[in-house]
Amino acid sequence: MELNKDRLRQLIADLLKNTEKIRKNSEGYREAARRLGVPAPHLHRLLNKPETKAGVVFMGKIRDYCKENGLNFDEFILEKAPEPAPDD
């Protein structure tokens, strides 16, 4: 299970749409992280460093936020394509 980072970016844009903190800066990340219940530095790394993966706790926080706000958690999950079988 892998986080759909594009869907997370869309959620953050929606969260910040009605605030004055629309700018992509530390205030915006802090506000979004506060609403999602996750650490702001981790949210920033997750969105800006491709190699950073969301862990179980982070995914749990996203799931909780989705449940509380009537969102479909499955939209935040990327299903990995199965690895091809090695040639024998």
PDB file of N, CA and C in Angstrom:
ATOM      1  N   MET A   1       0.851  -1.177   0.000  1.00  0.00           N
ATOM      2  CA  MET A   1       0.000   0.000   0.000  1.00  0.00           C
ATOM      3  C   MET A   1       0.895   1.237   0.000  1.00  0.00           C
ATOM      4  N   GLU A   2       0.591   2.136  -0.893  1.00  0.00           N
ATOM      5  CA  GLU A   2       1.387   3.355  -1.016  1.00  0.00           C
ATOM      6  C   GLU A   2       0.445   4.559  -1.069  1.00  0.00           C
ATOM      7  N   LEU A   3       0.896   5.660  -0.508  1.00  0.00           N
ATOM      8  CA  LEU A   3       0.092   6.878  -0.466  1.00  0.00           C
ATOM      9  C   LEU A   3       0.003   7.530  -1.833  1.00  0.00           C
ATOM     10  N   ASN A   4      -1.194   7.936  -2.214  1.00  0.00           N
ATOM     11  CA  ASN A   4      -1.420   8.703  -3.440  1.00  0.00           C
ATOM     12  C   ASN A   4      -1.119  10.170  -3.103  1.00  0.00           C
ATOM     13  N   LYS A   5       0.093  10.602  -3.412  1.00  0.00           N
ATOM     14  CA  LYS A   5       0.537  11.945  -3.031  1.00  0.00           C
ATOM     15  C   LYS A   5      -0.227  13.031  -3.773  1.00  0.00           C
ATOM     16  N   ASP A   6      -0.655  12.756  -4.997  1.00  0.00           N
ATOM     17  CA  ASP A   6      -1.438  13.751  -5.735  1.00  0.00           C
ATOM     18  C   ASP A   6      -2.775  13.998  -5.048  1.00  0.00           C
ATOM     19  N   ARG A   7      -3.399  12.931  -4.551  1.00  0.00           N
ATOM     20  CA  ARG A   7      -4.679  13.095  -3.848  1.00  0.00           C
ATOM     21  C   ARG A   7      -4.472  13.831  -2.532  1.00  0.00           C
ATOM     22  N   LEU A   8      -3.354  13.576  -1.856  1.00  0.00           N
ATOM     23  CA  LEU A   8      -3.046  14.290  -0.616  1.00  0.00           C
ATOM     24  C   LEU A   8      -2.838  15.778  -0.893  1.00  0.00           C
ATOM     25  N   ARG A   9      -2.140  16.108  -1.972  1.00  0.00           N
ATOM     26  CA  ARG A   9      -1.946  17.518  -2.343  1.00  0.00           C
ATOM     27  C   ARG A   9      -3.293  18.197  -2.601  1.00  0.00           C
ATOM     28  N   GLN A  10      -4.190  17.470  -3.258  1.00  0.00           N
ATOM     29  CA  GLN A  10      -5.530  18.006  -3.529  1.00  0.00           C
ATOM     30  C   GLN A  10      -6.281  18.253  -2.218  1.00  0.00           C
ATOM     31  N   LEU A  11      -6.179  17.322  -1.284  1.00  0.00           N
ATOM     32  CA  LEU A  11      -6.826  17.486   0.015  1.00  0.00           C
ATOM     33  C   LEU A  11      -6.278  18.707   0.740  1.00  0.00           C
ATOM     34  N   ILE A  12      -4.974  18.878   0.723  1.00  0.00           N
ATOM     35  CA  ILE A  12      -4.357  20.025   1.393  1.00  0.00           C
ATOM     36  C   ILE A  12      -4.822  21.326   0.751  1.00  0.00           C
ATOM     37  N   ALA A  13      -4.896  21.361  -0.562  1.00  0.00           N
ATOM     38  CA  ALA A  13      -5.395  22.563  -1.247  1.00  0.00           C
ATOM     39  C   ALA A  13      -6.827  22.854  -0.820  1.00  0.00           C
ATOM     40  N   ASP A  14      -7.640  21.814  -0.703  1.00  0.00           N
ATOM     41  CA  ASP A  14      -9.022  21.988  -0.250  1.00  0.00           C
ATOM     42  C   ASP A  14      -9.080  22.476   1.193  1.00  0.00           C
ATOM     43  N   LEU A  15      -8.194  21.936   2.039  1.00  0.00           N
ATOM     44  CA  LEU A  15      -8.160  22.356   3.445  1.00  0.00           C
ATOM     45  C   LEU A  15      -7.820  23.833   3.588  1.00  0.00           C
ATOM     46  N   LEU A  16      -6.903  24.290   2.753  1.00  0.00           N
ATOM     47  CA  LEU A  16      -6.404  25.659   2.875  1.00  0.00           C
ATOM     48  C   LEU A  16      -7.166  26.655   2.006  1.00  0.00           C
ATOM     49  N   LYS A  17      -8.119  26.167   1.216  1.00  0.00           N
ATOM     50  CA  LYS A  17      -8.837  27.022   0.278  1.00  0.00           C
ATOM     51  C   LYS A  17      -9.559  28.173   0.982  1.00  0.00           C
ATOM     52  N   ASN A  18     -10.127  27.905   2.121  1.00  0.00           N
ATOM     53  CA  ASN A  18     -10.915  28.922   2.814  1.00  0.00           C
ATOM     54  C   ASN A  18     -10.143  29.662   3.901  1.00  0.00           C
ATOM     55  N   THR A  19      -8.832  29.551   3.848  1.00  0.00           N
ATOM     56  CA  THR A  19      -8.011  30.282   4.812  1.00  0.00           C
ATOM     57  C   THR A  19      -7.118  31.256   4.065  1.00  0.00           C
ATOM     58  N   GLU A  20      -6.491  32.108   4.794  1.00  0.00           N
ATOM     59  CA  GLU A  20      -5.553  33.046   4.182  1.00  0.00           C
ATOM     60  C   GLU A  20      -4.187  32.413   3.980  1.00  0.00           C
ATOM     61  N   LYS A  21      -4.016  31.185   4.434  1.00  0.00           N
ATOM     62  CA  LYS A  21      -2.711  30.509   4.346  1.00  0.00           C
ATOM     63  C   LYS A  21      -2.653  29.627   3.109  1.00  0.00           C
ATOM     64  N   ILE A  22      -2.988  30.176   1.980  1.00  0.00           N
ATOM     65  CA  ILE A  22      -3.007  29.416   0.743  1.00  0.00           C
ATOM     66  C   ILE A  22      -1.592  29.217   0.206  1.00  0.00           C
ATOM     67  N   ARG A  23      -0.691  30.084   0.548  1.00  0.00           N
ATOM     68  CA  ARG A  23       0.673  30.001   0.036  1.00  0.00           C
ATOM     69  C   ARG A  23       1.305  28.645   0.377  1.00  0.00           C
ATOM     70  N   LYS A  24       2.154  28.171  -0.534  1.00  0.00           N
ATOM     71  CA  LYS A  24       2.883  26.937  -0.263  1.00  0.00           C
ATOM     72  C   LYS A  24       4.121  27.302   0.530  1.00  0.00           C
ATOM     73  N   ASN A  25       3.958  27.389   1.820  1.00  0.00           N
ATOM     74  CA  ASN A  25       5.080  27.714   2.691  1.00  0.00           C
ATOM     75  C   ASN A  25       4.902  26.980   4.006  1.00  0.00           C
ATOM     76  N   SER A  26       5.749  27.268   4.956  1.00  0.00           N
ATOM     77  CA  SER A  26       5.704  26.541   6.222  1.00  0.00           C
ATOM     78  C   SER A  26       4.392  26.757   6.968  1.00  0.00           C
ATOM     79  N   GLU A  27       3.795  27.933   6.870  1.00  0.00           N
ATOM     80  CA  GLU A  27       2.515  28.158   7.553  1.00  0.00           C
ATOM     81  C   GLU A  27       1.438  27.259   6.975  1.00  0.00           C
ATOM     82  N   GLY A  28       1.419  27.111   5.662  1.00  0.00           N
ATOM     83  CA  GLY A  28       0.437  26.249   5.022  1.00  0.00           C
ATOM     84  C   GLY A  28       0.612  24.795   5.421  1.00  0.00           C
ATOM     85  N   TYR A  29       1.866  24.322   5.451  1.00  0.00           N
ATOM     86  CA  TYR A  29       2.129  22.951   5.865  1.00  0.00           C
ATOM     87  C   TYR A  29       1.729  22.744   7.323  1.00  0.00           C
ATOM     88  N   ARG A  30       2.052  23.707   8.180  1.00  0.00           N
ATOM     89  CA  ARG A  30       1.694  23.562   9.601  1.00  0.00           C
ATOM     90  C   ARG A  30       0.186  23.500   9.784  1.00  0.00           C
ATOM     91  N   GLU A  31      -0.531  24.372   9.091  1.00  0.00           N
ATOM     92  CA  GLU A  31      -1.990  24.384   9.205  1.00  0.00           C
ATOM     93  C   GLU A  31      -2.584  23.077   8.697  1.00  0.00           C
ATOM     94  N   ALA A  32      -2.137  22.600   7.550  1.00  0.00           N
ATOM     95  CA  ALA A  32      -2.645  21.342   6.992  1.00  0.00           C
ATOM     96  C   ALA A  32      -2.300  20.172   7.922  1.00  0.00           C
ATOM     97  N   ALA A  33      -1.077  20.148   8.421  1.00  0.00           N
ATOM     98  CA  ALA A  33      -0.659  19.069   9.327  1.00  0.00           C
ATOM     99  C   ALA A  33      -1.487  19.081  10.608  1.00  0.00           C
ATOM    100  N   ARG A  34      -1.750  20.271  11.127  1.00  0.00           N
ATOM    101  CA  ARG A  34      -2.561  20.371  12.346  1.00  0.00           C
ATOM    102  C   ARG A  34      -3.948  19.783  12.109  1.00  0.00           C
ATOM    103  N   ARG A  35      -4.545  20.114  10.976  1.00  0.00           N
ATOM    104  CA  ARG A  35      -5.892  19.609  10.674  1.00  0.00           C
ATOM    105  C   ARG A  35      -5.900  18.103  10.442  1.00  0.00           C
ATOM    106  N   LEU A  36      -4.821  17.585   9.866  1.00  0.00           N
ATOM    107  CA  LEU A  36      -4.740  16.150   9.603  1.00  0.00           C
ATOM    108  C   LEU A  36      -4.250  15.354  10.808  1.00  0.00           C
ATOM    109  N   GLY A  37      -3.652  16.044  11.781  1.00  0.00           N
ATOM    110  CA  GLY A  37      -3.140  15.369  12.968  1.00  0.00           C
ATOM    111  C   GLY A  37      -1.806  14.685  12.747  1.00  0.00           C
ATOM    112  N   VAL A  38      -1.003  15.235  11.824  1.00  0.00           N
ATOM    113  CA  VAL A  38       0.313  14.654  11.524  1.00  0.00           C
ATOM    114  C   VAL A  38       1.398  15.698  11.748  1.00  0.00           C
ATOM    115  N   PRO A  39       2.646  15.278  11.932  1.00  0.00           N
ATOM    116  CA  PRO A  39       3.745  16.242  12.097  1.00  0.00           C
ATOM    117  C   PRO A  39       4.004  17.023  10.804  1.00  0.00           C
ATOM    118  N   ALA A  40       4.117  18.333  10.913  1.00  0.00           N
ATOM    119  CA  ALA A  40       4.351  19.191   9.743  1.00  0.00           C
ATOM    120  C   ALA A  40       5.642  18.839   9.003  1.00  0.00           C
ATOM    121  N   PRO A  41       6.761  18.583   9.697  1.00  0.00           N
ATOM    122  CA  PRO A  41       7.979  18.249   8.952  1.00  0.00           C
ATOM    123  C   PRO A  41       7.831  16.966   8.117  1.00  0.00           C
ATOM    124  N   HIS A  42       7.112  16.005   8.676  1.00  0.00           N
ATOM    125  CA  HIS A  42       6.919  14.755   7.933  1.00  0.00           C
ATOM    126  C   HIS A  42       6.027  14.991   6.705  1.00  0.00           C
ATOM    127  N   LEU A  43       4.989  15.785   6.865  1.00  0.00           N
ATOM    128  CA  LEU A  43       4.116  16.120   5.734  1.00  0.00           C
ATOM    129  C   LEU A  43       4.915  16.807   4.627  1.00  0.00           C
ATOM    130  N   HIS A  44       5.762  17.738   5.008  1.00  0.00           N
ATOM    131  CA  HIS A  44       6.592  18.453   4.036  1.00  0.00           C
ATOM    132  C   HIS A  44       7.524  17.497   3.296  1.00  0.00           C
ATOM    133  N   ARG A  45       8.230  16.632   4.048  1.00  0.00           N
ATOM    134  CA  ARG A  45       9.146  15.662   3.420  1.00  0.00           C
ATOM    135  C   ARG A  45       8.388  14.718   2.498  1.00  0.00           C
ATOM    136  N   LEU A  46       7.247  14.270   2.958  1.00  0.00           N
ATOM    137  CA  LEU A  46       6.457  13.321   2.187  1.00  0.00           C
ATOM    138  C   LEU A  46       6.050  13.893   0.832  1.00  0.00           C
ATOM    139  N   LEU A  47       5.688  15.160   0.814  1.00  0.00           N
ATOM    140  CA  LEU A  47       5.227  15.779  -0.425  1.00  0.00           C
ATOM    141  C   LEU A  47       6.352  16.285  -1.317  1.00  0.00           C
ATOM    142  N   ASN A  48       7.517  16.524  -0.756  1.00  0.00           N
ATOM    143  CA  ASN A  48       8.588  17.139  -1.524  1.00  0.00           C
ATOM    144  C   ASN A  48       9.787  16.246  -1.823  1.00  0.00           C
ATOM    145  N   LYS A  49       9.856  15.097  -1.216  1.00  0.00           N
ATOM    146  CA  LYS A  49      10.951  14.163  -1.485  1.00  0.00           C
ATOM    147  C   LYS A  49      10.351  12.853  -1.977  1.00  0.00           C
ATOM    148  N   PRO A  50      10.552  12.545  -3.237  1.00  0.00           N
ATOM    149  CA  PRO A  50       9.907  11.353  -3.818  1.00  0.00           C
ATOM    150  C   PRO A  50      10.218  10.052  -3.086  1.00  0.00           C
ATOM    151  N   GLU A  51      11.381   9.958  -2.491  1.00  0.00           N
ATOM    152  CA  GLU A  51      11.756   8.705  -1.833  1.00  0.00           C
ATOM    153  C   GLU A  51      11.083   8.508  -0.479  1.00  0.00           C
ATOM    154  N   THR A  52      10.475   9.552   0.086  1.00  0.00           N
ATOM    155  CA  THR A  52       9.831   9.456   1.385  1.00  0.00           C
ATOM    156  C   THR A  52       8.497   8.731   1.258  1.00  0.00           C
ATOM    157  N   LYS A  53       8.297   7.747   2.106  1.00  0.00           N
ATOM    158  CA  LYS A  53       7.075   6.944   2.104  1.00  0.00           C
ATOM    159  C   LYS A  53       6.252   7.234   3.357  1.00  0.00           C
ATOM    160  N   ALA A  54       4.950   7.089   3.236  1.00  0.00           N
ATOM    161  CA  ALA A  54       4.061   7.250   4.388  1.00  0.00           C
ATOM    162  C   ALA A  54       4.055   5.945   5.182  1.00  0.00           C
ATOM    163  N   GLY A  55       4.212   6.073   6.483  1.00  0.00           N
ATOM    164  CA  GLY A  55       4.205   4.901   7.343  1.00  0.00           C
ATOM    165  C   GLY A  55       2.799   4.557   7.822  1.00  0.00           C
ATOM    166  N   VAL A  56       2.729   3.547   8.648  1.00  0.00           N
ATOM    167  CA  VAL A  56       1.455   3.051   9.157  1.00  0.00           C
ATOM    168  C   VAL A  56       0.738   4.120   9.976  1.00  0.00           C
ATOM    169  N   VAL A  57       1.456   4.834  10.827  1.00  0.00           N
ATOM    170  CA  VAL A  57       0.832   5.860  11.669  1.00  0.00           C
ATOM    171  C   VAL A  57       0.280   6.987  10.812  1.00  0.00           C
ATOM    172  N   PHE A  58       1.058   7.447   9.836  1.00  0.00           N
ATOM    173  CA  PHE A  58       0.610   8.519   8.956  1.00  0.00           C
ATOM    174  C   PHE A  58      -0.644   8.091   8.197  1.00  0.00           C
ATOM    175  N   MET A  59      -0.625   6.888   7.633  1.00  0.00           N
ATOM    176  CA  MET A  59      -1.791   6.388   6.901  1.00  0.00           C
ATOM    177  C   MET A  59      -2.996   6.250   7.832  1.00  0.00           C
ATOM    178  N   GLY A  60      -2.756   5.879   9.069  1.00  0.00           N
ATOM    179  CA  GLY A  60      -3.851   5.793  10.041  1.00  0.00           C
ATOM    180  C   GLY A  60      -4.473   7.157  10.306  1.00  0.00           C
ATOM    181  N   LYS A  61      -3.636   8.188  10.390  1.00  0.00           N
ATOM    182  CA  LYS A  61      -4.152   9.548  10.599  1.00  0.00           C
ATOM    183  C   LYS A  61      -4.980  10.009   9.403  1.00  0.00           C
ATOM    184  N   ILE A  62      -4.522   9.681   8.199  1.00  0.00           N
ATOM    185  CA  ILE A  62      -5.279  10.032   6.999  1.00  0.00           C
ATOM    186  C   ILE A  62      -6.614   9.279   6.994  1.00  0.00           C
ATOM    187  N   ARG A  63      -6.565   7.996   7.352  1.00  0.00           N
ATOM    188  CA  ARG A  63      -7.802   7.203   7.415  1.00  0.00           C
ATOM    189  C   ARG A  63      -8.779   7.804   8.421  1.00  0.00           C
ATOM    190  N   ASP A  64      -8.280   8.180   9.593  1.00  0.00           N
ATOM    191  CA  ASP A  64      -9.142   8.790  10.618  1.00  0.00           C
ATOM    192  C   ASP A  64      -9.753  10.086  10.114  1.00  0.00           C
ATOM    193  N   TYR A  65      -8.945  10.914   9.454  1.00  0.00           N
ATOM    194  CA  TYR A  65      -9.452  12.180   8.919  1.00  0.00           C
ATOM    195  C   TYR A  65     -10.552  11.907   7.890  1.00  0.00           C
ATOM    196  N   CYS A  66     -10.328  10.920   7.037  1.00  0.00           N
ATOM    197  CA  CYS A  66     -11.329  10.573   6.021  1.00  0.00           C
ATOM    198  C   CYS A  66     -12.638  10.126   6.674  1.00  0.00           C
ATOM    199  N   LYS A  67     -12.548   9.288   7.697  1.00  0.00           N
ATOM    200  CA  LYS A  67     -13.753   8.820   8.383  1.00  0.00           C
ATOM    201  C   LYS A  67     -14.514   9.977   9.010  1.00  0.00           C
ATOM    202  N   GLU A  68     -13.792  10.874   9.668  1.00  0.00           N
ATOM    203  CA  GLU A  68     -14.429  12.005  10.350  1.00  0.00           C
ATOM    204  C   GLU A  68     -15.065  12.992   9.384  1.00  0.00           C
ATOM    205  N   ASN A  69     -14.548  13.058   8.140  1.00  0.00           N
ATOM    206  CA  ASN A  69     -15.004  14.069   7.194  1.00  0.00           C
ATOM    207  C   ASN A  69     -15.717  13.487   5.974  1.00  0.00           C
ATOM    208  N   GLY A  70     -16.076  12.222   6.039  1.00  0.00           N
ATOM    209  CA  GLY A  70     -16.848  11.595   4.975  1.00  0.00           C
ATOM    210  C   GLY A  70     -16.118  11.473   3.644  1.00  0.00           C
ATOM    211  N   LEU A  71     -14.806  11.284   3.699  1.00  0.00           N
ATOM    212  CA  LEU A  71     -14.016  11.114   2.478  1.00  0.00           C
ATOM    213  C   LEU A  71     -13.729   9.637   2.249  1.00  0.00           C
ATOM    214  N   ASN A  72     -13.470   9.284   1.015  1.00  0.00           N
ATOM    215  CA  ASN A  72     -13.151   7.907   0.659  1.00  0.00           C
ATOM    216  C   ASN A  72     -11.648   7.677   0.824  1.00  0.00           C
ATOM    217  N   PHE A  73     -11.280   6.909   1.831  1.00  0.00           N
ATOM    218  CA  PHE A  73      -9.865   6.643   2.111  1.00  0.00           C
ATOM    219  C   PHE A  73      -9.185   5.930   0.951  1.00  0.00           C
ATOM    220  N   ASP A  74      -9.927   5.120   0.211  1.00  0.00           N
ATOM    221  CA  ASP A  74      -9.344   4.368  -0.906  1.00  0.00           C
ATOM    222  C   ASP A  74      -8.742   5.289  -1.968  1.00  0.00           C
ATOM    223  N   GLU A  75      -9.214   6.519  -2.061  1.00  0.00           N
ATOM    224  CA  GLU A  75      -8.652   7.475  -3.021  1.00  0.00           C
ATOM    225  C   GLU A  75      -7.216   7.855  -2.670  1.00  0.00           C
ATOM    226  N   PHE A  76      -6.830   7.649  -1.432  1.00  0.00           N
ATOM    227  CA  PHE A  76      -5.496   8.016  -0.961  1.00  0.00           C
ATOM    228  C   PHE A  76      -4.498   6.863  -1.067  1.00  0.00           C
ATOM    229  N   ILE A  77      -4.927   5.756  -1.645  1.00  0.00           N
ATOM    230  CA  ILE A  77      -4.072   4.575  -1.746  1.00  0.00           C
ATOM    231  C   ILE A  77      -3.767   4.284  -3.206  1.00  0.00           C
ATOM    232  N   LEU A  78      -2.502   4.081  -3.487  1.00  0.00           N
ATOM    233  CA  LEU A  78      -2.072   3.622  -4.814  1.00  0.00           C
ATOM    234  C   LEU A  78      -1.787   2.138  -4.710  1.00  0.00           C
ATOM    235  N   GLU A  79      -2.428   1.390  -5.548  1.00  0.00           N
ATOM    236  CA  GLU A  79      -2.135  -0.043  -5.578  1.00  0.00           C
ATOM    237  C   GLU A  79      -0.921  -0.249  -6.463  1.00  0.00           C
ATOM    238  N   LYS A  80       0.051  -0.910  -5.946  1.00  0.00           N
ATOM    239  CA  LYS A  80       1.257  -1.182  -6.721  1.00  0.00           C
ATOM    240  C   LYS A  80       0.967  -2.291  -7.725  1.00  0.00           C
ATOM    241  N   ALA A  81       1.514  -2.143  -8.891  1.00  0.00           N
ATOM    242  CA  ALA A  81       1.405  -3.190  -9.894  1.00  0.00           C
ATOM    243  C   ALA A  81       2.206  -4.388  -9.426  1.00  0.00           C
ATOM    244  N   PRO A  82       1.726  -5.598  -9.676  1.00  0.00           N
ATOM    245  CA  PRO A  82       2.497  -6.779  -9.246  1.00  0.00           C
ATOM    246  C   PRO A  82       3.849  -6.838  -9.938  1.00  0.00           C
ATOM    247  N   GLU A  83       4.830  -7.268  -9.190  1.00  0.00           N
ATOM    248  CA  GLU A  83       6.183  -7.408  -9.733  1.00  0.00           C
ATOM    249  C   GLU A  83       6.179  -8.538 -10.759  1.00  0.00           C
ATOM    250  N   PRO A  84       6.840  -8.333 -11.896  1.00  0.00           N
ATOM    251  CA  PRO A  84       6.902  -9.426 -12.878  1.00  0.00           C
ATOM    252  C   PRO A  84       7.714 -10.592 -12.319  1.00  0.00           C
ATOM    253  N   ALA A  85       7.275 -11.787 -12.664  1.00  0.00           N
ATOM    254  CA  ALA A  85       7.980 -12.985 -12.199  1.00  0.00           C
ATOM    255  C   ALA A  85       9.332 -13.060 -12.891  1.00  0.00           C
ATOM    256  N   PRO A  86      10.372 -13.435 -12.144  1.00  0.00           N
ATOM    257  CA  PRO A  86      11.698 -13.534 -12.767  1.00  0.00           C
ATOM    258  C   PRO A  86      11.707 -14.692 -13.769  1.00  0.00           C
ATOM    259  N   ASP A  87      12.431 -14.482 -14.841  1.00  0.00           N
ATOM    260  CA  ASP A  87      12.560 -15.531 -15.856  1.00  0.00           C
ATOM    261  C   ASP A  87      13.426 -16.657 -15.309  1.00  0.00           C
ATOM    262  N   ASP A  88      12.945 -17.862 -15.511  1.00  0.00           N
ATOM    263  CA  ASP A  88      13.726 -19.032 -15.041  1.00  0.00           C
ATOM    264  C   ASP A  88      14.512 -19.631 -16.150  1.00  0.00           C
TER     265      ASP A  88
END
